[in-house]
mmCIF file of all heavy atoms, coordinates in Angstrom:
data_MODEL
# 
_entry.id   MODEL 
# 
loop_
_atom_site.group_PDB 
_atom_site.id 
_atom_site.type_symbol 
_atom_site.label_atom_id 
_atom_site.label_alt_id 
_atom_site.label_comp_id 
_atom_site.label_asym_id 
_atom_site.label_entity_id 
_atom_site.label_seq_id 
_atom_site.pdbx_PDB_ins_code 
_atom_site.Cartn_x 
_atom_site.Cartn_y 
_atom_site.Cartn_z 
_atom_site.occupancy 
_atom_site.B_iso_or_equiv 
_atom_site.pdbx_formal_charge 
_atom_site.auth_seq_id 
_atom_site.auth_comp_id 
_atom_site.auth_asym_id 
_atom_site.auth_atom_id 
_atom_site.pdbx_PDB_model_num 
ATOM 1   N N   . ARG A 1 1  ? 177.151 107.661 100.563 1.00 0.00 ? 1  ARG A N   1 
ATOM 2   C CA  . ARG A 1 1  ? 176.897 106.736 99.452  1.00 0.00 ? 1  ARG A CA  1 
ATOM 3   C C   . ARG A 1 1  ? 176.690 105.313 99.978  1.00 0.00 ? 1  ARG A C   1 
ATOM 4   O O   . ARG A 1 1  ? 175.845 104.567 99.474  1.00 0.00 ? 1  ARG A O   1 
ATOM 5   C CB  . ARG A 1 1  ? 178.041 106.788 98.447  1.00 0.00 ? 1  ARG A CB  1 
ATOM 6   C CG  . ARG A 1 1  ? 178.023 108.045 97.578  1.00 0.00 ? 1  ARG A CG  1 
ATOM 7   C CD  . ARG A 1 1  ? 178.930 107.895 96.361  1.00 0.00 ? 1  ARG A CD  1 
ATOM 8   N NE  . ARG A 1 1  ? 180.340 107.760 96.752  1.00 0.00 ? 1  ARG A NE  1 
ATOM 9   C CZ  . ARG A 1 1  ? 181.159 108.793 96.916  1.00 0.00 ? 1  ARG A CZ  1 
ATOM 10  N NH1 . ARG A 1 1  ? 180.714 110.034 96.720  1.00 0.00 ? 1  ARG A NH1 1 
ATOM 11  N NH2 . ARG A 1 1  ? 182.419 108.599 97.250  1.00 0.00 ? 1  ARG A NH2 1 
ATOM 12  N N   . GLU A 1 2  ? 177.474 104.916 100.995 1.00 0.00 ? 2  GLU A N   1 
ATOM 13  C CA  . GLU A 1 2  ? 177.303 103.587 101.593 1.00 0.00 ? 2  GLU A CA  1 
ATOM 14  C C   . GLU A 1 2  ? 175.909 103.430 102.195 1.00 0.00 ? 2  GLU A C   1 
ATOM 15  O O   . GLU A 1 2  ? 175.319 102.348 102.178 1.00 0.00 ? 2  GLU A O   1 
ATOM 16  C CB  . GLU A 1 2  ? 178.351 103.351 102.679 1.00 0.00 ? 2  GLU A CB  1 
ATOM 17  C CG  . GLU A 1 2  ? 179.760 103.151 102.163 1.00 0.00 ? 2  GLU A CG  1 
ATOM 18  C CD  . GLU A 1 2  ? 180.740 102.942 103.301 1.00 0.00 ? 2  GLU A CD  1 
ATOM 19  O OE1 . GLU A 1 2  ? 180.288 102.727 104.443 1.00 0.00 ? 2  GLU A OE1 1 
ATOM 20  O OE2 . GLU A 1 2  ? 181.964 102.990 103.058 1.00 0.00 ? 2  GLU A OE2 1 
ATOM 21  N N   . LEU A 1 3  ? 175.387 104.531 102.738 1.00 0.00 ? 3  LEU A N   1 
ATOM 22  C CA  . LEU A 1 3  ? 174.064 104.503 103.356 1.00 0.00 ? 3  LEU A CA  1 
ATOM 23  C C   . LEU A 1 3  ? 172.943 104.657 102.336 1.00 0.00 ? 3  LEU A C   1 
ATOM 24  O O   . LEU A 1 3  ? 171.761 104.634 102.696 1.00 0.00 ? 3  LEU A O   1 
ATOM 25  C CB  . LEU A 1 3  ? 173.957 105.617 104.405 1.00 0.00 ? 3  LEU A CB  1 
ATOM 26  C CG  . LEU A 1 3  ? 174.875 105.484 105.623 1.00 0.00 ? 3  LEU A CG  1 
ATOM 27  C CD1 . LEU A 1 3  ? 174.843 106.767 106.456 1.00 0.00 ? 3  LEU A CD1 1 
ATOM 28  C CD2 . LEU A 1 3  ? 174.466 104.286 106.485 1.00 0.00 ? 3  LEU A CD2 1 
ATOM 29  N N   . GLY A 1 4  ? 173.309 104.835 101.053 1.00 0.00 ? 4  GLY A N   1 
ATOM 30  C CA  . GLY A 1 4  ? 172.305 104.990 100.007 1.00 0.00 ? 4  GLY A CA  1 
ATOM 31  C C   . GLY A 1 4  ? 171.675 106.356 99.980  1.00 0.00 ? 4  GLY A C   1 
ATOM 32  O O   . GLY A 1 4  ? 170.532 106.509 99.540  1.00 0.00 ? 4  GLY A O   1 
ATOM 33  N N   . ARG A 1 5  ? 172.383 107.348 100.455 1.00 0.00 ? 5  ARG A N   1 
ATOM 34  C CA  . ARG A 1 5  ? 171.873 108.712 100.491 1.00 0.00 ? 5  ARG A CA  1 
ATOM 35  C C   . ARG A 1 5  ? 172.824 109.634 99.728  1.00 0.00 ? 5  ARG A C   1 
ATOM 36  O O   . ARG A 1 5  ? 174.047 109.431 99.703  1.00 0.00 ? 5  ARG A O   1 
ATOM 37  C CB  . ARG A 1 5  ? 171.739 109.218 101.928 1.00 0.00 ? 5  ARG A CB  1 
ATOM 38  C CG  . ARG A 1 5  ? 170.715 108.457 102.758 1.00 0.00 ? 5  ARG A CG  1 
ATOM 39  C CD  . ARG A 1 5  ? 169.295 108.745 102.285 1.00 0.00 ? 5  ARG A CD  1 
ATOM 40  N NE  . ARG A 1 5  ? 168.295 108.197 103.184 1.00 0.00 ? 5  ARG A NE  1 
ATOM 41  C CZ  . ARG A 1 5  ? 167.803 106.973 103.123 1.00 0.00 ? 5  ARG A CZ  1 
ATOM 42  N NH1 . ARG A 1 5  ? 168.238 106.153 102.164 1.00 0.00 ? 5  ARG A NH1 1 
ATOM 43  N NH2 . ARG A 1 5  ? 166.889 106.559 103.968 1.00 0.00 ? 5  ARG A NH2 1 
ATOM 44  N N   . SER A 1 6  ? 172.262 110.672 99.122  1.00 0.00 ? 6  SER A N   1 
ATOM 45  C CA  . SER A 1 6  ? 173.088 111.639 98.397  1.00 0.00 ? 6  SER A CA  1 
ATOM 46  C C   . SER A 1 6  ? 172.929 113.055 98.934  1.00 0.00 ? 6  SER A C   1 
ATOM 47  O O   . SER A 1 6  ? 173.669 113.951 98.545  1.00 0.00 ? 6  SER A O   1 
ATOM 48  C CB  . SER A 1 6  ? 172.737 111.622 96.901  1.00 0.00 ? 6  SER A CB  1 
ATOM 49  O OG  . SER A 1 6  ? 171.363 111.947 96.715  1.00 0.00 ? 6  SER A OG  1 
ATOM 50  N N   . ALA A 1 7  ? 171.931 113.259 99.786  1.00 0.00 ? 7  ALA A N   1 
ATOM 51  C CA  . ALA A 1 7  ? 171.671 114.602 100.316 1.00 0.00 ? 7  ALA A CA  1 
ATOM 52  C C   . ALA A 1 7  ? 171.434 114.502 101.815 1.00 0.00 ? 7  ALA A C   1 
ATOM 53  O O   . ALA A 1 7  ? 171.102 113.443 102.353 1.00 0.00 ? 7  ALA A O   1 
ATOM 54  C CB  . ALA A 1 7  ? 170.456 115.224 99.624  1.00 0.00 ? 7  ALA A CB  1 
ATOM 55  N N   . ILE A 1 8  ? 171.643 115.614 102.476 1.00 0.00 ? 8  ILE A N   1 
ATOM 56  C CA  . ILE A 1 8  ? 171.405 115.685 103.914 1.00 0.00 ? 8  ILE A CA  1 
ATOM 57  C C   . ILE A 1 8  ? 170.111 116.488 104.155 1.00 0.00 ? 8  ILE A C   1 
ATOM 58  O O   . ILE A 1 8  ? 169.675 117.225 103.263 1.00 0.00 ? 8  ILE A O   1 
ATOM 59  C CB  . ILE A 1 8  ? 172.617 116.326 104.633 1.00 0.00 ? 8  ILE A CB  1 
ATOM 60  C CG1 . ILE A 1 8  ? 172.938 117.693 104.032 1.00 0.00 ? 8  ILE A CG1 1 
ATOM 61  C CG2 . ILE A 1 8  ? 173.802 115.407 104.595 1.00 0.00 ? 8  ILE A CG2 1 
ATOM 62  C CD1 . ILE A 1 8  ? 174.025 118.442 104.763 1.00 0.00 ? 8  ILE A CD1 1 
ATOM 63  N N   . PRO A 1 9  ? 169.491 116.332 105.333 1.00 0.00 ? 9  PRO A N   1 
ATOM 64  C CA  . PRO A 1 9  ? 170.001 115.667 106.532 1.00 0.00 ? 9  PRO A CA  1 
ATOM 65  C C   . PRO A 1 9  ? 169.856 114.145 106.487 1.00 0.00 ? 9  PRO A C   1 
ATOM 66  O O   . PRO A 1 9  ? 168.904 113.620 105.905 1.00 0.00 ? 9  PRO A O   1 
ATOM 67  C CB  . PRO A 1 9  ? 169.135 116.248 107.643 1.00 0.00 ? 9  PRO A CB  1 
ATOM 68  C CG  . PRO A 1 9  ? 167.843 116.578 106.966 1.00 0.00 ? 9  PRO A CG  1 
ATOM 69  C CD  . PRO A 1 9  ? 168.218 117.031 105.588 1.00 0.00 ? 9  PRO A CD  1 
ATOM 70  N N   . VAL A 1 10 ? 170.831 113.491 107.116 1.00 0.00 ? 10 VAL A N   1 
ATOM 71  C CA  . VAL A 1 10 ? 170.782 112.049 107.325 1.00 0.00 ? 10 VAL A CA  1 
ATOM 72  C C   . VAL A 1 10 ? 171.169 111.806 108.779 1.00 0.00 ? 10 VAL A C   1 
ATOM 73  O O   . VAL A 1 10 ? 172.198 112.303 109.244 1.00 0.00 ? 10 VAL A O   1 
ATOM 74  C CB  . VAL A 1 10 ? 171.750 111.297 106.390 1.00 0.00 ? 10 VAL A CB  1 
ATOM 75  C CG1 . VAL A 1 10 ? 171.770 109.813 106.741 1.00 0.00 ? 10 VAL A CG1 1 
ATOM 76  C CG2 . VAL A 1 10 ? 171.362 111.501 104.935 1.00 0.00 ? 10 VAL A CG2 1 
ATOM 77  N N   . ASN A 1 11 ? 170.337 111.068 109.509 1.00 0.00 ? 11 ASN A N   1 
ATOM 78  C CA  . ASN A 1 11 ? 170.619 110.733 110.905 1.00 0.00 ? 11 ASN A CA  1 
ATOM 79  C C   . ASN A 1 11 ? 170.559 109.218 111.049 1.00 0.00 ? 11 ASN A C   1 
ATOM 80  O O   . ASN A 1 11 ? 169.608 108.581 110.563 1.00 0.00 ? 11 ASN A O   1 
ATOM 81  C CB  . ASN A 1 11 ? 169.611 111.394 111.839 1.00 0.00 ? 11 ASN A CB  1 
ATOM 82  C CG  . ASN A 1 11 ? 169.683 112.911 111.772 1.00 0.00 ? 11 ASN A CG  1 
ATOM 83  O OD1 . ASN A 1 11 ? 170.479 113.529 112.450 1.00 0.00 ? 11 ASN A OD1 1 
ATOM 84  N ND2 . ASN A 1 11 ? 168.856 113.519 110.916 1.00 0.00 ? 11 ASN A ND2 1 
ATOM 85  N N   . VAL A 1 12 ? 171.562 108.662 111.705 1.00 0.00 ? 12 VAL A N   1 
ATOM 86  C CA  . VAL A 1 12 ? 171.686 107.205 111.794 1.00 0.00 ? 12 VAL A CA  1 
ATOM 87  C C   . VAL A 1 12 ? 171.903 106.804 113.247 1.00 0.00 ? 12 VAL A C   1 
ATOM 88  O O   . VAL A 1 12 ? 172.742 107.398 113.941 1.00 0.00 ? 12 VAL A O   1 
ATOM 89  C CB  . VAL A 1 12 ? 172.855 106.683 110.937 1.00 0.00 ? 12 VAL A CB  1 
ATOM 90  C CG1 . VAL A 1 12 ? 172.851 105.158 110.912 1.00 0.00 ? 12 VAL A CG1 1 
ATOM 91  C CG2 . VAL A 1 12 ? 172.778 107.228 109.521 1.00 0.00 ? 12 VAL A CG2 1 
ATOM 92  N N   . LEU A 1 13 ? 171.163 105.781 113.700 1.00 0.00 ? 13 LEU A N   1 
ATOM 93  C CA  . LEU A 1 13 ? 171.351 105.220 115.035 1.00 0.00 ? 13 LEU A CA  1 
ATOM 94  C C   . LEU A 1 13 ? 172.021 103.861 114.907 1.00 0.00 ? 13 LEU A C   1 
ATOM 95  O O   . LEU A 1 13 ? 171.500 102.956 114.245 1.00 0.00 ? 13 LEU A O   1 
ATOM 96  C CB  . LEU A 1 13 ? 169.995 105.077 115.748 1.00 0.00 ? 13 LEU A CB  1 
ATOM 97  C CG  . LEU A 1 13 ? 170.053 104.425 117.137 1.00 0.00 ? 13 LEU A CG  1 
ATOM 98  C CD1 . LEU A 1 13 ? 170.834 105.300 118.114 1.00 0.00 ? 13 LEU A CD1 1 
ATOM 99  C CD2 . LEU A 1 13 ? 168.649 104.153 117.662 1.00 0.00 ? 13 LEU A CD2 1 
ATOM 100 N N   . TYR A 1 14 ? 173.191 103.718 115.536 1.00 0.00 ? 14 TYR A N   1 
ATOM 101 C CA  . TYR A 1 14 ? 173.918 102.455 115.564 1.00 0.00 ? 14 TYR A CA  1 
ATOM 102 C C   . TYR A 1 14 ? 173.781 101.850 116.958 1.00 0.00 ? 14 TYR A C   1 
ATOM 103 O O   . TYR A 1 14 ? 174.182 102.463 117.953 1.00 0.00 ? 14 TYR A O   1 
ATOM 104 C CB  . TYR A 1 14 ? 175.402 102.671 115.269 1.00 0.00 ? 14 TYR A CB  1 
ATOM 105 C CG  . TYR A 1 14 ? 175.713 103.212 113.891 1.00 0.00 ? 14 TYR A CG  1 
ATOM 106 C CD1 . TYR A 1 14 ? 175.774 104.587 113.668 1.00 0.00 ? 14 TYR A CD1 1 
ATOM 107 C CD2 . TYR A 1 14 ? 175.961 102.361 112.824 1.00 0.00 ? 14 TYR A CD2 1 
ATOM 108 C CE1 . TYR A 1 14 ? 176.075 105.096 112.413 1.00 0.00 ? 14 TYR A CE1 1 
ATOM 109 C CE2 . TYR A 1 14 ? 176.268 102.864 111.565 1.00 0.00 ? 14 TYR A CE2 1 
ATOM 110 C CZ  . TYR A 1 14 ? 176.316 104.229 111.365 1.00 0.00 ? 14 TYR A CZ  1 
ATOM 111 O OH  . TYR A 1 14 ? 176.616 104.737 110.127 1.00 0.00 ? 14 TYR A OH  1 
ATOM 112 N N   . VAL A 1 15 ? 173.204 100.647 117.021 1.00 0.00 ? 15 VAL A N   1 
ATOM 113 C CA  . VAL A 1 15 ? 173.096 99.918  118.286 1.00 0.00 ? 15 VAL A CA  1 
ATOM 114 C C   . VAL A 1 15 ? 173.824 98.593  118.109 1.00 0.00 ? 15 VAL A C   1 
ATOM 115 O O   . VAL A 1 15 ? 173.537 97.856  117.148 1.00 0.00 ? 15 VAL A O   1 
ATOM 116 C CB  . VAL A 1 15 ? 171.625 99.670  118.672 1.00 0.00 ? 15 VAL A CB  1 
ATOM 117 C CG1 . VAL A 1 15 ? 171.537 98.889  119.980 1.00 0.00 ? 15 VAL A CG1 1 
ATOM 118 C CG2 . VAL A 1 15 ? 170.888 100.996 118.796 1.00 0.00 ? 15 VAL A CG2 1 
ATOM 119 N N   . PRO A 1 16 ? 174.796 98.279  118.971 1.00 0.00 ? 16 PRO A N   1 
ATOM 120 C CA  . PRO A 1 16 ? 175.537 97.017  118.837 1.00 0.00 ? 16 PRO A CA  1 
ATOM 121 C C   . PRO A 1 16 ? 174.604 95.810  118.744 1.00 0.00 ? 16 PRO A C   1 
ATOM 122 O O   . PRO A 1 16 ? 173.655 95.679  119.525 1.00 0.00 ? 16 PRO A O   1 
ATOM 123 C CB  . PRO A 1 16 ? 176.380 96.974  120.117 1.00 0.00 ? 16 PRO A CB  1 
ATOM 124 C CG  . PRO A 1 16 ? 176.558 98.412  120.495 1.00 0.00 ? 16 PRO A CG  1 
ATOM 125 C CD  . PRO A 1 16 ? 175.289 99.084  120.105 1.00 0.00 ? 16 PRO A CD  1 
ATOM 126 N N   . GLY A 1 17 ? 174.868 94.947  117.741 1.00 0.00 ? 17 GLY A N   1 
ATOM 127 C CA  . GLY A 1 17 ? 174.047 93.757  117.549 1.00 0.00 ? 17 GLY A CA  1 
ATOM 128 C C   . GLY A 1 17 ? 172.829 93.973  116.689 1.00 0.00 ? 17 GLY A C   1 
ATOM 129 O O   . GLY A 1 17 ? 172.074 93.027  116.446 1.00 0.00 ? 17 GLY A O   1 
ATOM 130 N N   . LYS A 1 18 ? 172.601 95.210  116.235 1.00 0.00 ? 18 LYS A N   1 
ATOM 131 C CA  . LYS A 1 18 ? 171.441 95.509  115.400 1.00 0.00 ? 18 LYS A CA  1 
ATOM 132 C C   . LYS A 1 18 ? 171.873 96.216  114.126 1.00 0.00 ? 18 LYS A C   1 
ATOM 133 O O   . LYS A 1 18 ? 172.967 96.784  114.051 1.00 0.00 ? 18 LYS A O   1 
ATOM 134 C CB  . LYS A 1 18 ? 170.435 96.390  116.158 1.00 0.00 ? 18 LYS A CB  1 
ATOM 135 C CG  . LYS A 1 18 ? 169.832 95.750  117.404 1.00 0.00 ? 18 LYS A CG  1 
ATOM 136 C CD  . LYS A 1 18 ? 168.794 96.684  118.035 1.00 0.00 ? 18 LYS A CD  1 
ATOM 137 C CE  . LYS A 1 18 ? 168.161 96.068  119.263 1.00 0.00 ? 18 LYS A CE  1 
ATOM 138 N NZ  . LYS A 1 18 ? 167.129 96.958  119.864 1.00 0.00 ? 18 LYS A NZ  1 
ATOM 139 N N   . GLU A 1 19 ? 170.994 96.191  113.127 1.00 0.00 ? 19 GLU A N   1 
ATOM 140 C CA  . GLU A 1 19 ? 171.247 96.920  111.893 1.00 0.00 ? 19 GLU A CA  1 
ATOM 141 C C   . GLU A 1 19 ? 171.099 98.425  112.141 1.00 0.00 ? 19 GLU A C   1 
ATOM 142 O O   . GLU A 1 19 ? 170.256 98.842  112.945 1.00 0.00 ? 19 GLU A O   1 
ATOM 143 C CB  . GLU A 1 19 ? 170.260 96.491  110.800 1.00 0.00 ? 19 GLU A CB  1 
ATOM 144 C CG  . GLU A 1 19 ? 170.498 95.101  110.258 1.00 0.00 ? 19 GLU A CG  1 
ATOM 145 C CD  . GLU A 1 19 ? 171.831 94.999  109.522 1.00 0.00 ? 19 GLU A CD  1 
ATOM 146 O OE1 . GLU A 1 19 ? 172.172 95.936  108.769 1.00 0.00 ? 19 GLU A OE1 1 
ATOM 147 O OE2 . GLU A 1 19 ? 172.536 93.998  109.723 1.00 0.00 ? 19 GLU A OE2 1 
ATOM 148 N N   . PRO A 1 20 ? 171.910 99.274  111.468 1.00 0.00 ? 20 PRO A N   1 
ATOM 149 C CA  . PRO A 1 20 ? 171.763 100.730 111.630 1.00 0.00 ? 20 PRO A CA  1 
ATOM 150 C C   . PRO A 1 20 ? 170.360 101.187 111.223 1.00 0.00 ? 20 PRO A C   1 
ATOM 151 O O   . PRO A 1 20 ? 169.772 100.662 110.272 1.00 0.00 ? 20 PRO A O   1 
ATOM 152 C CB  . PRO A 1 20 ? 172.830 101.304 110.687 1.00 0.00 ? 20 PRO A CB  1 
ATOM 153 C CG  . PRO A 1 20 ? 173.809 100.196 110.484 1.00 0.00 ? 20 PRO A CG  1 
ATOM 154 C CD  . PRO A 1 20 ? 173.016 98.924  110.561 1.00 0.00 ? 20 PRO A CD  1 
ATOM 155 N N   . VAL A 1 21 ? 169.822 102.151 111.945 1.00 0.00 ? 21 VAL A N   1 
ATOM 156 C CA  . VAL A 1 21 ? 168.500 102.708 111.655 1.00 0.00 ? 21 VAL A CA  1 
ATOM 157 C C   . VAL A 1 21 ? 168.685 104.109 111.087 1.00 0.00 ? 21 VAL A C   1 
ATOM 158 O O   . VAL A 1 21 ? 169.255 104.991 111.743 1.00 0.00 ? 21 VAL A O   1 
ATOM 159 C CB  . VAL A 1 21 ? 167.628 102.780 112.925 1.00 0.00 ? 21 VAL A CB  1 
ATOM 160 C CG1 . VAL A 1 21 ? 166.268 103.388 112.588 1.00 0.00 ? 21 VAL A CG1 1 
ATOM 161 C CG2 . VAL A 1 21 ? 167.469 101.401 113.546 1.00 0.00 ? 21 VAL A CG2 1 
ATOM 162 N N   . ILE A 1 22 ? 168.219 104.323 109.845 1.00 0.00 ? 22 ILE A N   1 
ATOM 163 C CA  . ILE A 1 22 ? 168.289 105.636 109.204 1.00 0.00 ? 22 ILE A CA  1 
ATOM 164 C C   . ILE A 1 22 ? 166.937 106.318 109.414 1.00 0.00 ? 22 ILE A C   1 
ATOM 165 O O   . ILE A 1 22 ? 165.890 105.775 109.060 1.00 0.00 ? 22 ILE A O   1 
ATOM 166 C CB  . ILE A 1 22 ? 168.611 105.519 107.708 1.00 0.00 ? 22 ILE A CB  1 
ATOM 167 C CG1 . ILE A 1 22 ? 169.946 104.787 107.508 1.00 0.00 ? 22 ILE A CG1 1 
ATOM 168 C CG2 . ILE A 1 22 ? 168.667 106.903 107.064 1.00 0.00 ? 22 ILE A CG2 1 
ATOM 169 C CD1 . ILE A 1 22 ? 170.313 104.551 106.056 1.00 0.00 ? 22 ILE A CD1 1 
ATOM 170 N N   . THR A 1 23 ? 166.966 107.500 109.972 1.00 0.00 ? 23 THR A N   1 
ATOM 171 C CA  . THR A 1 23 ? 165.727 108.205 110.316 1.00 0.00 ? 23 THR A CA  1 
ATOM 172 C C   . THR A 1 23 ? 165.153 108.920 109.091 1.00 0.00 ? 23 THR A C   1 
ATOM 173 O O   . THR A 1 23 ? 165.852 109.104 108.081 1.00 0.00 ? 23 THR A O   1 
ATOM 174 C CB  . THR A 1 23 ? 165.990 109.246 111.411 1.00 0.00 ? 23 THR A CB  1 
ATOM 175 O OG1 . THR A 1 23 ? 166.750 110.323 110.859 1.00 0.00 ? 23 THR A OG1 1 
ATOM 176 C CG2 . THR A 1 23 ? 166.758 108.642 112.571 1.00 0.00 ? 23 THR A CG2 1 
ATOM 177 N N   . PRO A 1 24 ? 163.897 109.367 109.170 1.00 0.00 ? 24 PRO A N   1 
ATOM 178 C CA  . PRO A 1 24 ? 163.366 110.261 108.120 1.00 0.00 ? 24 PRO A CA  1 
ATOM 179 C C   . PRO A 1 24 ? 164.141 111.581 108.100 1.00 0.00 ? 24 PRO A C   1 
ATOM 180 O O   . PRO A 1 24 ? 164.854 111.913 109.054 1.00 0.00 ? 24 PRO A O   1 
ATOM 181 C CB  . PRO A 1 24 ? 161.913 110.476 108.546 1.00 0.00 ? 24 PRO A CB  1 
ATOM 182 C CG  . PRO A 1 24 ? 161.611 109.392 109.520 1.00 0.00 ? 24 PRO A CG  1 
ATOM 183 C CD  . PRO A 1 24 ? 162.899 109.042 110.195 1.00 0.00 ? 24 PRO A CD  1 
ATOM 184 N N   . GLU A 1 25 ? 163.974 112.352 107.041 1.00 0.00 ? 25 GLU A N   1 
ATOM 185 C CA  . GLU A 1 25 ? 164.699 113.615 106.923 1.00 0.00 ? 25 GLU A CA  1 
ATOM 186 C C   . GLU A 1 25 ? 164.230 114.627 107.959 1.00 0.00 ? 25 GLU A C   1 
ATOM 187 O O   . GLU A 1 25 ? 165.029 115.339 108.559 1.00 0.00 ? 25 GLU A O   1 
ATOM 188 C CB  . GLU A 1 25 ? 164.540 114.198 105.511 1.00 0.00 ? 25 GLU A CB  1 
ATOM 189 C CG  . GLU A 1 25 ? 165.316 113.434 104.452 1.00 0.00 ? 25 GLU A CG  1 
ATOM 190 C CD  . GLU A 1 25 ? 165.273 114.136 103.105 1.00 0.00 ? 25 GLU A CD  1 
ATOM 191 O OE1 . GLU A 1 25 ? 164.572 115.164 103.000 1.00 0.00 ? 25 GLU A OE1 1 
ATOM 192 O OE2 . GLU A 1 25 ? 165.944 113.665 102.176 1.00 0.00 ? 25 GLU A OE2 1 
ATOM 193 N N   . VAL A 1 26 ? 162.916 114.726 108.150 1.00 0.00 ? 26 VAL A N   1 
ATOM 194 C CA  . VAL A 1 26 ? 162.366 115.680 109.111 1.00 0.00 ? 26 VAL A CA  1 
ATOM 195 C C   . VAL A 1 26 ? 162.097 114.948 110.419 1.00 0.00 ? 26 VAL A C   1 
ATOM 196 O O   . VAL A 1 26 ? 161.395 113.930 110.440 1.00 0.00 ? 26 VAL A O   1 
ATOM 197 C CB  . VAL A 1 26 ? 161.068 116.331 108.580 1.00 0.00 ? 26 VAL A CB  1 
ATOM 198 C CG1 . VAL A 1 26 ? 160.510 117.305 109.609 1.00 0.00 ? 26 VAL A CG1 1 
ATOM 199 C CG2 . VAL A 1 26 ? 161.352 117.050 107.262 1.00 0.00 ? 26 VAL A CG2 1 
# 
C-alpha cells in the first residue's frame, strides 16, 4: 500500500541516495 500497489508482482530497487525504482509487472 505504501508503494501504491495492490497486486503482485511488484519489484523494487533501493539504491542509497536515490528514490526507490518500481519495475513494470512483466
